[in-house]
Structures are given as structure tokens and as C-alpha cells.
C-alpha atoms as a PDB file:
ATOM      1  CA  MET A   1     -12.984 110.361  -7.372  1.00  0.00           C
ATOM      2  CA  ALA A   2     -12.334 106.703  -8.117  1.00  0.00           C
ATOM      3  CA  SER A   3     -12.184 105.795 -11.811  1.00  0.00           C
ATOM      4  CA  GLU A   4     -14.714 103.306 -13.139  1.00  0.00           C
ATOM      5  CA  LEU A   5     -13.543  99.743 -13.613  1.00  0.00           C
ATOM      6  CA  SER A   6     -13.978  98.353 -17.123  1.00  0.00           C
ATOM      7  CA  LEU A   7     -14.829  94.720 -17.847  1.00  0.00           C
ATOM      8  CA  LEU A   8     -11.325  94.001 -19.115  1.00  0.00           C
ATOM      9  CA  GLN A   9      -9.801  95.273 -15.865  1.00  0.00           C
ATOM     10  CA  MET A  10     -11.775  92.799 -13.789  1.00  0.00           C
ATOM     11  CA  PRO A  11     -10.168  89.570 -12.554  1.00  0.00           C
ATOM     12  CA  ASP A  12     -10.844  86.560 -14.792  1.00  0.00           C
ATOM     13  CA  VAL A  13     -12.817  84.884 -11.994  1.00  0.00           C
ATOM     14  CA  ALA A  14     -15.245  87.835 -11.759  1.00  0.00           C
ATOM     15  CA  LEU A  15     -15.524  88.151 -15.553  1.00  0.00           C
ATOM     16  CA  ASN A  16     -16.161  84.425 -15.778  1.00  0.00           C
ATOM     17  CA  GLU A  17     -19.125  84.707 -13.373  1.00  0.00           C
ATOM     18  CA  ILE A  18     -20.560  87.656 -15.313  1.00  0.00           C
ATOM     19  CA  VAL A  19     -20.428  85.780 -18.627  1.00  0.00           C
ATOM     20  CA  LYS A  20     -22.035  82.696 -17.054  1.00  0.00           C
ATOM     21  CA  LYS A  21     -25.099  84.781 -16.132  1.00  0.00           C
ATOM     22  CA  CYS A  22     -25.466  86.220 -19.655  1.00  0.00           C
ATOM     23  CA  ASP A  23     -27.812  84.763 -22.245  1.00  0.00           C
ATOM     24  CA  TYR A  24     -26.825  83.923 -25.818  1.00  0.00           C
ATOM     25  CA  ILE A  25     -27.671  87.371 -27.250  1.00  0.00           C
ATOM     26  CA  SER A  26     -25.750  89.205 -24.509  1.00  0.00           C
ATOM     27  CA  ILE A  27     -22.701  87.003 -25.015  1.00  0.00           C
ATOM     28  CA  GLN A  28     -22.820  87.576 -28.780  1.00  0.00           C
ATOM     29  CA  SER A  29     -22.857  91.319 -28.118  1.00  0.00           C
ATOM     30  CA  LEU A  30     -19.857  91.025 -25.794  1.00  0.00           C
ATOM     31  CA  HIS A  31     -18.133  88.854 -28.393  1.00  0.00           C
ATOM     32  CA  LYS A  32     -18.213  91.770 -30.848  1.00  0.00           C
ATOM     33  CA  VAL A  33     -16.927  94.453 -28.430  1.00  0.00           C
ATOM     34  CA  CYS A  34     -13.209  93.880 -28.853  1.00  0.00           C
ATOM     35  CA  ARG A  35     -10.584  91.235 -29.608  1.00  0.00           C
ATOM     36  CA  ASP A  36      -9.685  90.596 -25.937  1.00  0.00           C
ATOM     37  CA  LEU A  37     -13.288  89.906 -24.934  1.00  0.00           C
ATOM     38  CA  ARG A  38     -13.786  87.705 -27.997  1.00  0.00           C
ATOM     39  CA  ILE A  39     -10.745  85.604 -27.092  1.00  0.00           C
ATOM     40  CA  PHE A  40     -11.855  85.398 -23.442  1.00  0.00           C
ATOM     41  CA  ILE A  41     -15.341  84.164 -24.413  1.00  0.00           C
ATOM     42  CA  GLU A  42     -14.017  81.653 -26.956  1.00  0.00           C
ATOM     43  CA  ASP A  43     -11.616  80.253 -24.349  1.00  0.00           C
ATOM     44  CA  LEU A  44     -14.355  80.122 -21.702  1.00  0.00           C
ATOM     45  CA  LYS A  45     -16.857  78.344 -24.027  1.00  0.00           C
ATOM     46  CA  PRO A  46     -20.058  79.177 -22.092  1.00  0.00           C
ATOM     47  CA  ASP A  47     -22.792  76.566 -22.281  1.00  0.00           C
ATOM     48  CA  TYR A  48     -25.971  78.119 -23.670  1.00  0.00           C
ATOM     49  CA  GLN A  49     -28.206  75.212 -22.572  1.00  0.00           C
ATOM     50  CA  PHE A  50     -30.073  75.031 -25.882  1.00  0.00           C
ATOM     51  CA  THR A  51     -32.815  72.407 -25.661  1.00  0.00           C
ATOM     52  CA  ASN A  52     -33.900  72.524 -29.297  1.00  0.00           C
ATOM     53  CA  ILE A  53     -32.752  74.190 -32.496  1.00  0.00           C
ATOM     54  CA  CYS A  54     -34.561  74.869 -35.763  1.00  0.00           C
ATOM     55  CA  ILE A  55     -32.815  75.872 -39.009  1.00  0.00           C
ATOM     56  CA  GLU A  56     -35.076  77.050 -41.843  1.00  0.00           C
ATOM     57  CA  LEU A  57     -33.351  77.714 -45.157  1.00  0.00           C
ATOM     58  CA  ASP A  58     -35.037  79.708 -47.936  1.00  0.00           C
ATOM     59  CA  PRO A  59     -33.637  80.962 -51.273  1.00  0.00           C
ATOM     60  CA  ASP A  60     -32.527  84.353 -49.898  1.00  0.00           C
ATOM     61  CA  SER A  61     -32.600  83.927 -46.143  1.00  0.00           C
ATOM     62  CA  LEU A  62     -31.948  81.599 -43.252  1.00  0.00           C
ATOM     63  CA  GLU A  63     -33.693  81.572 -39.891  1.00  0.00           C
ATOM     64  CA  LEU A  64     -32.117  80.104 -36.769  1.00  0.00           C
ATOM     65  CA  THR A  65     -34.284  79.522 -33.698  1.00  0.00           C
ATOM     66  CA  PHE A  66     -32.952  78.370 -30.346  1.00  0.00           C
ATOM     67  CA  ASN A  67     -35.252  76.954 -27.662  1.00  0.00           C
ATOM     68  CA  ASP A  68     -38.351  77.038 -29.864  1.00  0.00           C
ATOM     69  CA  SER A  69     -41.298  76.640 -27.477  1.00  0.00           C
ATOM     70  CA  ASN A  70     -44.661  78.054 -26.424  1.00  0.00           C
ATOM     71  CA  ASP A  71     -42.787  80.348 -24.038  1.00  0.00           C
ATOM     72  CA  GLU A  72     -41.775  83.222 -26.330  1.00  0.00           C
ATOM     73  CA  GLU A  73     -39.518  84.714 -23.671  1.00  0.00           C
ATOM     74  CA  LYS A  74     -37.215  81.694 -23.981  1.00  0.00           C
ATOM     75  CA  GLU A  75     -37.072  81.772 -27.771  1.00  0.00           C
ATOM     76  CA  ILE A  76     -34.140  83.265 -29.638  1.00  0.00           C
ATOM     77  CA  THR A  77     -34.671  83.751 -33.375  1.00  0.00           C
ATOM     78  CA  ILE A  78     -31.995  85.193 -35.638  1.00  0.00           C
ATOM     79  CA  ARG A  79     -32.692  85.894 -39.301  1.00  0.00           C
ATOM     80  CA  TYR A  80     -29.910  86.076 -41.892  1.00  0.00           C
ATOM     81  CA  LYS A  81     -31.120  87.720 -45.095  1.00  0.00           C
ATOM     82  CA  LYS A  82     -29.276  88.189 -48.376  1.00  0.00           C
ATOM     83  CA  HIS A  83     -28.832  91.812 -49.488  1.00  0.00           C
ATOM     84  CA  GLU A  84     -26.897  91.907 -52.773  1.00  0.00           C
ATOM     85  CA  LEU A  85     -23.446  90.654 -51.697  1.00  0.00           C
ATOM     86  CA  ASN A  86     -24.058  91.502 -48.048  1.00  0.00           C
ATOM     87  CA  CYS A  87     -26.180  90.155 -45.222  1.00  0.00           C
ATOM     88  CA  TYR A  88     -28.807  91.682 -42.968  1.00  0.00           C
ATOM     89  CA  VAL A  89     -28.760  90.017 -39.538  1.00  0.00           C
ATOM     90  CA  SER A  90     -31.806  90.653 -37.385  1.00  0.00           C
ATOM     91  CA  LEU A  91     -32.810  89.514 -33.929  1.00  0.00           C
ATOM     92  CA  VAL A  92     -36.522  88.707 -33.903  1.00  0.00           C
ATOM     93  CA  LYS A  93     -37.916  89.761 -30.533  1.00  0.00           C
ATOM     94  CA  PRO A  94     -41.235  88.671 -28.938  1.00  0.00           C
ATOM     95  CA  SER A  95     -42.185  92.368 -28.720  1.00  0.00           C
ATOM     96  CA  GLY A  96     -42.144  92.579 -32.508  1.00  0.00           C
ATOM     97  CA  LYS A  97     -39.322  95.122 -32.533  1.00  0.00           C
ATOM     98  CA  ASN A  98     -36.397  93.681 -34.436  1.00  0.00           C
ATOM     99  CA  SER A  99     -32.807  94.857 -34.214  1.00  0.00           C
ATOM    100  CA  GLU A 100     -31.060  94.720 -37.590  1.00  0.00           C
ATOM    101  CA  HIS A 101     -27.460  95.072 -38.772  1.00  0.00           C
ATOM    102  CA  LEU A 102     -25.919  95.034 -42.241  1.00  0.00           C
ATOM    103  CA  LEU A 103     -22.712  93.001 -42.499  1.00  0.00           C
ATOM    104  CA  ASN A 104     -20.262  92.759 -45.363  1.00  0.00           C
ATOM    105  CA  THR A 105     -20.482  88.985 -45.765  1.00  0.00           C
ATOM    106  CA  HIS A 106     -22.645  86.302 -47.389  1.00  0.00           C
ATOM    107  CA  TYR A 107     -25.641  85.273 -45.283  1.00  0.00           C
ATOM    108  CA  ILE A 108     -24.683  81.574 -45.181  1.00  0.00           C
ATOM    109  CA  ASP A 109     -21.097  82.456 -44.198  1.00  0.00           C
ATOM    110  CA  CYS A 110     -22.439  84.718 -41.457  1.00  0.00           C
ATOM    111  CA  PHE A 111     -24.827  82.055 -40.113  1.00  0.00           C
ATOM    112  CA  SER A 112     -22.210  79.301 -40.272  1.00  0.00           C
ATOM    113  CA  LYS A 113     -19.728  81.345 -38.252  1.00  0.00           C
ATOM    114  CA  ASP A 114     -22.280  82.262 -35.556  1.00  0.00           C
ATOM    115  CA  PHE A 115     -23.638  78.712 -35.394  1.00  0.00           C
ATOM    116  CA  ALA A 116     -20.156  77.191 -35.129  1.00  0.00           C
ATOM    117  CA  ILE A 117     -19.287  79.497 -32.231  1.00  0.00           C
ATOM    118  CA  ALA A 118     -22.527  78.667 -30.409  1.00  0.00           C
ATOM    119  CA  MET A 119     -22.294  74.905 -30.894  1.00  0.00           C
ATOM    120  CA  SER A 120     -18.581  74.670 -30.081  1.00  0.00           C
ATOM    121  CA  SER A 121     -19.533  76.013 -26.631  1.00  0.00           C
ATOM    122  CA  GLN A 122     -22.513  73.693 -26.181  1.00  0.00           C
ATOM    123  CA  LYS A 123     -21.738  71.190 -23.430  1.00  0.00           C
ATOM    124  CA  SER A 124     -25.300  69.957 -22.871  1.00  0.00           C
ATOM    125  CA  ILE A 125     -27.129  67.783 -25.404  1.00  0.00           C
ATOM    126  CA  VAL A 126     -29.667  69.330 -27.793  1.00  0.00           C
ATOM    127  CA  GLN A 127     -32.894  67.331 -27.500  1.00  0.00           C
ATOM    128  CA  LEU A 128     -34.273  68.200 -30.946  1.00  0.00           C
ATOM    129  CA  LEU A 129     -32.692  69.610 -34.106  1.00  0.00           C
ATOM    130  CA  ILE A 130     -34.891  70.471 -37.112  1.00  0.00           C
ATOM    131  CA  LEU A 131     -33.594  71.248 -40.589  1.00  0.00           C
ATOM    132  CA  SER A 132     -36.268  72.522 -42.952  1.00  0.00           C
ATOM    133  CA  HIS A 133     -35.780  73.727 -46.495  1.00  0.00           C
ATOM    134  CA  PRO A 134     -37.568  73.538 -49.847  1.00  0.00           C
ATOM    135  CA  VAL A 135     -35.468  72.423 -52.778  1.00  0.00           C
ATOM    136  CA  ASP A 136     -35.108  73.587 -56.330  1.00  0.00           C
ATOM    137  CA  PHE A 137     -31.893  73.835 -58.336  1.00  0.00           C
ATOM    138  CA  TYR A 138     -30.972  77.096 -56.608  1.00  0.00           C
ATOM    139  CA  MET A 139     -31.704  75.775 -53.137  1.00  0.00           C
ATOM    140  CA  LYS A 140     -29.622  72.637 -53.661  1.00  0.00           C
ATOM    141  CA  SER A 141     -26.625  74.905 -54.160  1.00  0.00           C
ATOM    142  CA  ARG A 142     -27.458  76.944 -51.038  1.00  0.00           C
ATOM    143  CA  ALA A 143     -28.029  73.850 -48.879  1.00  0.00           C
ATOM    144  CA  GLY A 144     -24.782  72.384 -50.208  1.00  0.00           C
ATOM    145  CA  ASP A 145     -22.950  75.577 -49.253  1.00  0.00           C
ATOM    146  CA  LEU A 146     -24.447  75.424 -45.771  1.00  0.00           C
ATOM    147  CA  LEU A 147     -23.413  71.811 -45.179  1.00  0.00           C
ATOM    148  CA  ARG A 148     -19.899  72.409 -46.509  1.00  0.00           C
ATOM    149  CA  LYS A 149     -19.465  75.324 -44.092  1.00  0.00           C
ATOM    150  CA  LEU A 150     -20.736  73.317 -41.115  1.00  0.00           C
ATOM    151  CA  LYS A 151     -18.608  70.292 -41.994  1.00  0.00           C
ATOM    152  CA  ALA A 152     -15.518  72.469 -42.468  1.00  0.00           C
ATOM    153  CA  GLY A 153     -15.788  73.451 -38.814  1.00  0.00           C
ATOM    154  CA  ASN A 154     -15.218  69.793 -37.823  1.00  0.00           C
ATOM    155  CA  LEU A 155     -18.224  70.005 -35.524  1.00  0.00           C
ATOM    156  CA  LEU A 156     -20.129  66.916 -34.481  1.00  0.00           C
ATOM    157  CA  LEU A 157     -23.358  68.186 -32.971  1.00  0.00           C
ATOM    158  CA  LYS A 158     -24.599  66.509 -29.797  1.00  0.00           C
ATOM    159  CA  VAL A 159     -28.252  65.875 -30.648  1.00  0.00           C
ATOM    160  CA  ARG A 160     -30.810  63.339 -29.333  1.00  0.00           C
ATOM    161  CA  SER A 161     -33.403  63.626 -32.117  1.00  0.00           C
ATOM    162  CA  VAL A 162     -33.252  65.086 -35.608  1.00  0.00           C
ATOM    163  CA  VAL A 163     -36.047  65.951 -38.037  1.00  0.00           C
ATOM    164  CA  LEU A 164     -35.021  66.443 -41.665  1.00  0.00           C
ATOM    165  CA  SER A 165     -37.862  68.104 -43.544  1.00  0.00           C
ATOM    166  CA  THR A 166     -36.530  68.432 -47.059  1.00  0.00           C
ATOM    167  CA  LYS A 167     -37.034  67.309 -50.634  1.00  0.00           C
ATOM    168  CA  GLY A 168     -33.275  67.143 -51.132  1.00  0.00           C
ATOM    169  CA  THR A 169     -32.474  63.477 -50.642  1.00  0.00           C
ATOM    170  CA  SER A 170     -28.763  64.078 -51.296  1.00  0.00           C
ATOM    171  CA  MET A 171     -28.759  66.424 -48.287  1.00  0.00           C
ATOM    172  CA  ILE A 172     -30.006  63.795 -45.830  1.00  0.00           C
ATOM    173  CA  VAL A 173     -26.844  61.684 -45.665  1.00  0.00           C
ATOM    174  CA  ARG A 174     -24.598  64.754 -45.671  1.00  0.00           C
ATOM    175  CA  PHE A 175     -26.509  66.388 -42.830  1.00  0.00           C
ATOM    176  CA  LEU A 176     -26.560  63.242 -40.706  1.00  0.00           C
ATOM    177  CA  GLN A 177     -22.762  63.128 -40.983  1.00  0.00           C
ATOM    178  CA  ILE A 178     -22.377  66.313 -38.905  1.00  0.00           C
ATOM    179  CA  LEU A 179     -24.265  64.748 -35.973  1.00  0.00           C
ATOM    180  CA  ASP A 180     -22.401  62.894 -33.231  1.00  0.00           C
ATOM    181  CA  PRO A 181     -23.448  59.209 -33.488  1.00  0.00           C
ATOM    182  CA  ASN A 182     -22.782  58.679 -29.781  1.00  0.00           C
ATOM    183  CA  TYR A 183     -25.790  60.849 -28.844  1.00  0.00           C
ATOM    184  CA  LEU A 184     -28.243  60.497 -31.731  1.00  0.00           C
ATOM    185  CA  GLU A 185     -31.245  58.289 -30.891  1.00  0.00           C
ATOM    186  CA  THR A 186     -34.070  59.231 -33.272  1.00  0.00           C
ATOM    187  CA  ILE A 187     -34.029  60.128 -36.977  1.00  0.00           C
ATOM    188  CA  LYS A 188     -37.179  61.392 -38.703  1.00  0.00           C
ATOM    189  CA  ILE A 189     -37.239  62.110 -42.439  1.00  0.00           C
ATOM    190  CA  ASP A 190     -40.167  63.735 -44.242  1.00  0.00           C
ATOM    191  CA  GLY A 191     -40.866  66.257 -46.967  1.00  0.00           C
ATOM    192  CA  TYR A 192     -42.600  64.525 -49.907  1.00  0.00           C
ATOM    193  CA  HIS A 193     -39.534  63.357 -51.779  1.00  0.00           C
ATOM    194  CA  TYR A 194     -38.256  60.248 -53.502  1.00  0.00           C
ATOM    195  CA  LEU A 195     -36.008  57.855 -51.604  1.00  0.00           C
ATOM    196  CA  THR A 196     -34.324  55.130 -53.598  1.00  0.00           C
ATOM    197  CA  MET A 197     -33.221  51.889 -51.990  1.00  0.00           C
ATOM    198  CA  LYS A 198     -29.653  53.030 -52.713  1.00  0.00           C
ATOM    199  CA  GLU A 199     -30.244  56.162 -50.621  1.00  0.00           C
ATOM    200  CA  ILE A 200     -31.892  54.160 -47.839  1.00  0.00           C
ATOM    201  CA  THR A 201     -28.854  51.846 -47.919  1.00  0.00           C
ATOM    202  CA  GLU A 202     -26.499  54.846 -47.676  1.00  0.00           C
ATOM    203  CA  ILE A 203     -28.409  56.080 -44.636  1.00  0.00           C
ATOM    204  CA  CYS A 204     -28.281  52.632 -43.030  1.00  0.00           C
ATOM    205  CA  GLN A 205     -24.517  52.420 -43.529  1.00  0.00           C
ATOM    206  CA  LEU A 206     -23.896  55.597 -41.528  1.00  0.00           C
ATOM    207  CA  GLU A 207     -22.600  55.224 -37.991  1.00  0.00           C
ATOM    208  CA  GLN A 208     -25.287  57.724 -36.988  1.00  0.00           C
ATOM    209  CA  PHE A 209     -27.986  55.313 -38.162  1.00  0.00           C
ATOM    210  CA  LYS A 210     -26.364  52.194 -36.733  1.00  0.00           C
ATOM    211  CA  LYS A 211     -26.299  53.702 -33.252  1.00  0.00           C
ATOM    212  CA  ALA A 212     -29.748  55.314 -33.441  1.00  0.00           C
ATOM    213  CA  LYS A 213     -32.716  53.586 -31.835  1.00  0.00           C
ATOM    214  CA  GLU A 214     -35.530  54.848 -34.063  1.00  0.00           C
ATOM    215  CA  LEU A 215     -35.944  55.742 -37.727  1.00  0.00           C
ATOM    216  CA  GLU A 216     -39.204  57.234 -38.985  1.00  0.00           C
ATOM    217  CA  ILE A 217     -39.767  57.994 -42.669  1.00  0.00           C
ATOM    218  CA  SER A 218     -43.033  59.675 -43.636  1.00  0.00           C
ATOM    219  CA  SER A 219     -44.503  61.609 -46.569  1.00  0.00           C
ATOM    220  CA  CYS A 220     -41.945  60.039 -48.895  1.00  0.00           C
ATOM    221  CA  PHE A 221     -41.905  58.247 -52.188  1.00  0.00           C
ATOM    222  CA  ILE A 222     -39.919  55.014 -52.362  1.00  0.00           C
ATOM    223  CA  THR A 223     -38.376  53.755 -55.585  1.00  0.00           C
ATOM    224  CA  THR A 224     -37.142  50.190 -55.909  1.00  0.00           C
ATOM    225  CA  PRO A 225     -35.820  47.970 -58.721  1.00  0.00           C
ATOM    226  CA  VAL A 226     -39.159  46.116 -58.601  1.00  0.00           C
ATOM    227  CA  GLU A 227     -41.467  49.123 -58.956  1.00  0.00           C
ATOM    228  CA  VAL A 228     -40.225  52.269 -60.640  1.00  0.00           C
ATOM    229  CA  ALA A 229     -42.063  54.725 -58.389  1.00  0.00           C
ATOM    230  CA  VAL A 230     -43.710  53.327 -55.293  1.00  0.00           C
ATOM    231  CA  TRP A 231     -45.429  55.424 -52.661  1.00  0.00           C
ATOM    232  CA  TYR A 232     -46.288  54.074 -49.226  1.00  0.00           C
ATOM    233  CA  ARG A 233     -49.639  53.096 -50.681  1.00  0.00           C
ATOM    234  CA  SER A 234     -47.817  50.268 -52.496  1.00  0.00           C
ATOM    235  CA  VAL A 235     -44.724  49.407 -50.464  1.00  0.00           C
ATOM    236  CA  SER A 236     -42.916  46.475 -52.040  1.00  0.00           C
ATOM    237  CA  VAL A 237     -41.957  43.101 -50.584  1.00  0.00           C
ATOM    238  CA  GLU A 238     -38.331  44.037 -51.222  1.00  0.00           C
ATOM    239  CA  MET A 239     -38.655  47.109 -49.025  1.00  0.00           C
ATOM    240  CA  LEU A 240     -40.185  45.091 -46.165  1.00  0.00           C
ATOM    241  CA  ARG A 241     -37.332  42.607 -46.372  1.00  0.00           C
ATOM    242  CA  SER A 242     -34.822  45.463 -46.400  1.00  0.00           C
ATOM    243  CA  VAL A 243     -36.332  46.880 -43.213  1.00  0.00           C
ATOM    244  CA  LYS A 244     -36.071  43.467 -41.564  1.00  0.00           C
ATOM    245  CA  GLN A 245     -32.416  43.318 -42.615  1.00  0.00           C
ATOM    246  CA  MET A 246     -31.833  46.730 -40.996  1.00  0.00           C
ATOM    247  CA  PHE A 247     -32.873  45.288 -37.631  1.00  0.00           C
ATOM    248  CA  ILE A 248     -30.581  42.291 -38.103  1.00  0.00           C
ATOM    249  CA  THR A 249     -27.512  44.390 -38.988  1.00  0.00           C
ATOM    250  CA  SER A 250     -28.215  47.350 -36.650  1.00  0.00           C
ATOM    251  CA  PRO A 251     -28.755  46.005 -33.104  1.00  0.00           C
ATOM    252  CA  ASN A 252     -29.415  49.503 -31.685  1.00  0.00           C
ATOM    253  CA  LEU A 253     -32.403  50.113 -33.956  1.00  0.00           C
ATOM    254  CA  SER A 254     -35.555  49.751 -31.867  1.00  0.00           C
ATOM    255  CA  SER A 255     -38.341  50.881 -34.204  1.00  0.00           C
ATOM    256  CA  PHE A 256     -39.124  51.800 -37.799  1.00  0.00           C
ATOM    257  CA  LEU A 257     -42.408  53.512 -38.637  1.00  0.00           C
ATOM    258  CA  ILE A 258     -44.007  53.796 -42.085  1.00  0.00           C
ATOM    259  CA  GLN A 259     -46.903  56.228 -42.493  1.00  0.00           C
ATOM    260  CA  ILE A 260     -49.497  54.926 -44.964  1.00  0.00           C
ATOM    261  CA  SER A 261     -52.801  56.118 -46.444  1.00  0.00           C
ATOM    262  CA  HIS A 262     -54.869  52.930 -45.974  1.00  0.00           C
ATOM    263  CA  ASN A 263     -54.503  49.358 -44.674  1.00  0.00           C
ATOM    264  CA  LYS A 264     -56.400  47.124 -47.057  1.00  0.00           C
ATOM    265  CA  CYS A 265     -53.573  45.887 -49.250  1.00  0.00           C
ATOM    266  CA  TYR A 266     -50.983  45.618 -46.499  1.00  0.00           C
ATOM    267  CA  GLN A 267     -52.067  42.520 -44.666  1.00  0.00           C
ATOM    268  CA  SER A 268     -51.756  40.382 -47.809  1.00  0.00           C
ATOM    269  CA  LEU A 269     -48.470  42.101 -48.768  1.00  0.00           C
ATOM    270  CA  ILE A 270     -46.866  41.476 -45.366  1.00  0.00           C
ATOM    271  CA  THR A 271     -48.289  37.940 -45.310  1.00  0.00           C
ATOM    272  CA  SER A 272     -46.690  37.222 -48.686  1.00  0.00           C
ATOM    273  CA  CYS A 273     -43.394  38.428 -47.236  1.00  0.00           C
ATOM    274  CA  PHE A 274     -43.433  37.069 -43.653  1.00  0.00           C
ATOM    275  CA  GLY A 275     -46.266  34.518 -43.592  1.00  0.00           C
ATOM    276  CA  PRO A 276     -49.644  34.807 -41.806  1.00  0.00           C
ATOM    277  CA  PRO A 277     -50.090  37.079 -38.751  1.00  0.00           C
ATOM    278  CA  ASP A 278     -49.401  35.612 -35.326  1.00  0.00           C
ATOM    279  CA  GLU A 279     -52.845  35.035 -33.816  1.00  0.00           C
ATOM    280  CA  GLN A 280     -51.522  34.994 -30.232  1.00  0.00           C
ATOM    281  CA  ILE A 281     -50.265  38.581 -30.368  1.00  0.00           C
ATOM    282  CA  SER A 282     -52.774  40.014 -32.884  1.00  0.00           C
ATOM    283  CA  THR A 283     -56.094  41.667 -32.036  1.00  0.00           C
ATOM    284  CA  LYS A 284     -59.251  42.394 -34.039  1.00  0.00           C
ATOM    285  CA  SER A 285     -57.944  45.840 -35.027  1.00  0.00           C
ATOM    286  CA  THR A 286     -54.195  45.201 -35.122  1.00  0.00           C
ATOM    287  CA  PHE A 287     -52.416  42.426 -37.020  1.00  0.00           C
ATOM    288  CA  ARG A 288     -48.928  41.459 -35.796  1.00  0.00           C
ATOM    289  CA  TRP A 289     -46.124  39.283 -37.108  1.00  0.00           C
ATOM    290  CA  LEU A 290     -43.251  37.897 -35.028  1.00  0.00           C
ATOM    291  CA  LEU A 291     -39.881  37.644 -36.827  1.00  0.00           C
ATOM    292  CA  MET A 292     -36.843  35.912 -35.354  1.00  0.00           C
ATOM    293  CA  ILE A 293     -33.365  37.479 -35.431  1.00  0.00           C
ATOM    294  CA  PRO A 294     -30.674  34.794 -35.900  1.00  0.00           C
ATOM    295  CA  GLY A 295     -28.303  34.490 -32.943  1.00  0.00           C
ATOM    296  CA  SER A 296     -30.100  37.163 -30.909  1.00  0.00           C
ATOM    297  CA  GLU A 297     -32.260  37.314 -27.809  1.00  0.00           C
ATOM    298  CA  ASP A 298     -34.373  39.912 -29.628  1.00  0.00           C
ATOM    299  CA  VAL A 299     -37.296  39.482 -32.005  1.00  0.00           C
ATOM    300  CA  ILE A 300     -38.974  41.856 -34.469  1.00  0.00           C
ATOM    301  CA  ILE A 301     -42.667  42.628 -34.079  1.00  0.00           C
ATOM    302  CA  VAL A 302     -44.331  43.921 -37.239  1.00  0.00           C
ATOM    303  CA  GLU A 303     -47.755  45.428 -36.711  1.00  0.00           C
ATOM    304  CA  ILE A 304     -50.264  47.134 -38.959  1.00  0.00           C
ATOM    305  CA  GLU A 305     -53.007  49.398 -37.726  1.00  0.00           C
ATOM    306  CA  GLN A 306     -54.697  52.510 -39.006  1.00  0.00           C
ATOM    307  CA  PHE A 307     -52.365  54.582 -41.208  1.00  0.00           C
ATOM    308  CA  ARG A 308     -49.109  52.913 -40.209  1.00  0.00           C
ATOM    309  CA  VAL A 309     -46.883  49.863 -40.416  1.00  0.00           C
ATOM    310  CA  LYS A 310     -44.491  49.550 -37.502  1.00  0.00           C
ATOM    311  CA  PHE A 311     -41.391  47.379 -37.021  1.00  0.00           C
ATOM    312  CA  GLU A 312     -40.281  47.143 -33.384  1.00  0.00           C
ATOM    313  CA  ARG A 313     -37.475  45.275 -31.616  1.00  0.00           C
ATOM    314  CA  LYS A 314     -38.530  43.329 -28.501  1.00  0.00           C
ATOM    315  CA  LYS A 315     -36.925  40.888 -26.113  1.00  0.00           C
ATOM    316  CA  LYS A 316     -38.021  37.263 -26.396  1.00  0.00           C
ATOM    317  CA  ASN A 317     -40.588  36.316 -23.778  1.00  0.00           C
END
């Protein structure tokens, strides 16, 4: 009677093909079988083809979702939950039956290790990455721990668009720094927090921002030297001029969107900053301003319509 052939006895070519047909969960299971399989998988670096990733950080847990979509069969959600000094890791299944394991490690350490392994294998580009976490004094420490762990892995994540939904303004710059600037195109920041002009300047100085095409900031408070605490209901002239300067110094930036609560005061504010609207490109419902960029074939179109002010780079006609 012929003996059964184990995985480790198979030729590398055959084992390679088997691993390629496995999904992320199956590969993670194989990764934990033995040292030889772990080394084989880490050397192979299978591409998991993640299209989008969501990281939700809470005081005592962290949830990681790959391929978040309306198709539950394609979703992979892993929950890392603090249990004293240990960590419960559970796979959240569409059926509602969760598999759970208790590991002798901190939940952020456990997540960071798994995430680093997954992303070091990722050859394709993630289309959307979302980081969501509330912030209090405790959470600032946890988010700081998370970013330190990710940065220590020397990973630059290949991401097209990022959404940072957080009240921790100090986290924004630090998180952007772990994204590969050669792939990042869109940055969206929200979460009802204060952004100082210093923090906006720090964001604009990042290579990630300079190479991005779009920046959207919504649900934020803006503080400036002119007005101590300014919400988007009373955006200052200084802020508008700063946005214009962003377009001049960052040629890849294509649009900048400001969400607002009403329009009434904005036409006079923008007029005081950039002069009267351009009648040739304005309509009854939308006022537009045309701003020149020195030494460039591009121009900036500023438009105001219901609930938004938009800066957009265009080619000269």
C-alpha cells in the first residue's frame, strides 16, 4: 500500500500551484502549520489581490476587513480583541459562526504581524484603504502603538485612495507616511476634528500629498492665526489663499473640496480674496473664479455651489 504524500514532500512547483489557489485564510492556516511551510510561504509571497482594506481601532479591539463589499462571500473580517495581557483572534464568517483563538500576545502586536505579512506579499494595488478610530487619551496611545508597529516593518503600502476618519490630527501625518507616494492619488480626511494651518502645512509638505491628485477635507474644524476656531461655516481668506498656494507648489494636485453648511457668506468671502466671479464660466446656480498659476499652462477654477467649495486644476483653453 503506497504511503500518503505530505505537502512538504511535494515538489516546490506543485506546492507553489497549490498555494496560489488558496485564499488568505487558507494561507494563514498553512502559515501556522510548521516552520518549513511558513518559510516557503514567506519566500513565495502570494498576492492576495485585496481591492480594499478597512482598519477599525477601538479601545480594546481592532477589526481588519479585506475586500469589504456587498458580496459577503468575498469579505474577510478578522477581529483582534484584548483579553487581559492576551489576545482573542476571531474570523468573522458570513454564516455568523466565528472561529476564535486565544494567543499569548498583545492584540496590536498580533494584528501588526499579520498585517505586515499580508501586505508584504501584496503585489497588486489596494484601491481603497480606510482607517477609522475614535480618539481619547487612551486611544491616542493605542493608535500611536499601531503606527509605530506598522512603520517598524518598513512597509510602504501601495494604495490608490485613503480615507482617514479620526479625531486624532497627530495621527494623520504619521499614517500618510506609511503609504507609498508613487501610488497614492486621493486623500480624504474627516472625523469632526480641529486642523490647524500648521497641520495642514505638514500634510502639504509630505511627498504623499505632493504626488496625490485630490485632497478632500470634510467635517473638520479649521483654526488659523486670524480666527481662533473657524469651522467651514466661516472659512478665512487666509485659508483660501493657502489652498491656492497648494496648487501652485503641488503640480499633481487636481482638486480640493471643502464641505460647507450654507453658501450665503461664501461668494463675498471668495470675492474679497480673488475678485468678482468670472461671468463667462459662471451660471445662475454656480459661481466660478479663474485663477492663473504663474509659469504654468494650468489654471485653477474655484466654484461654489450647494454645500461645497471646490478648487480644481484645469488646462488653459
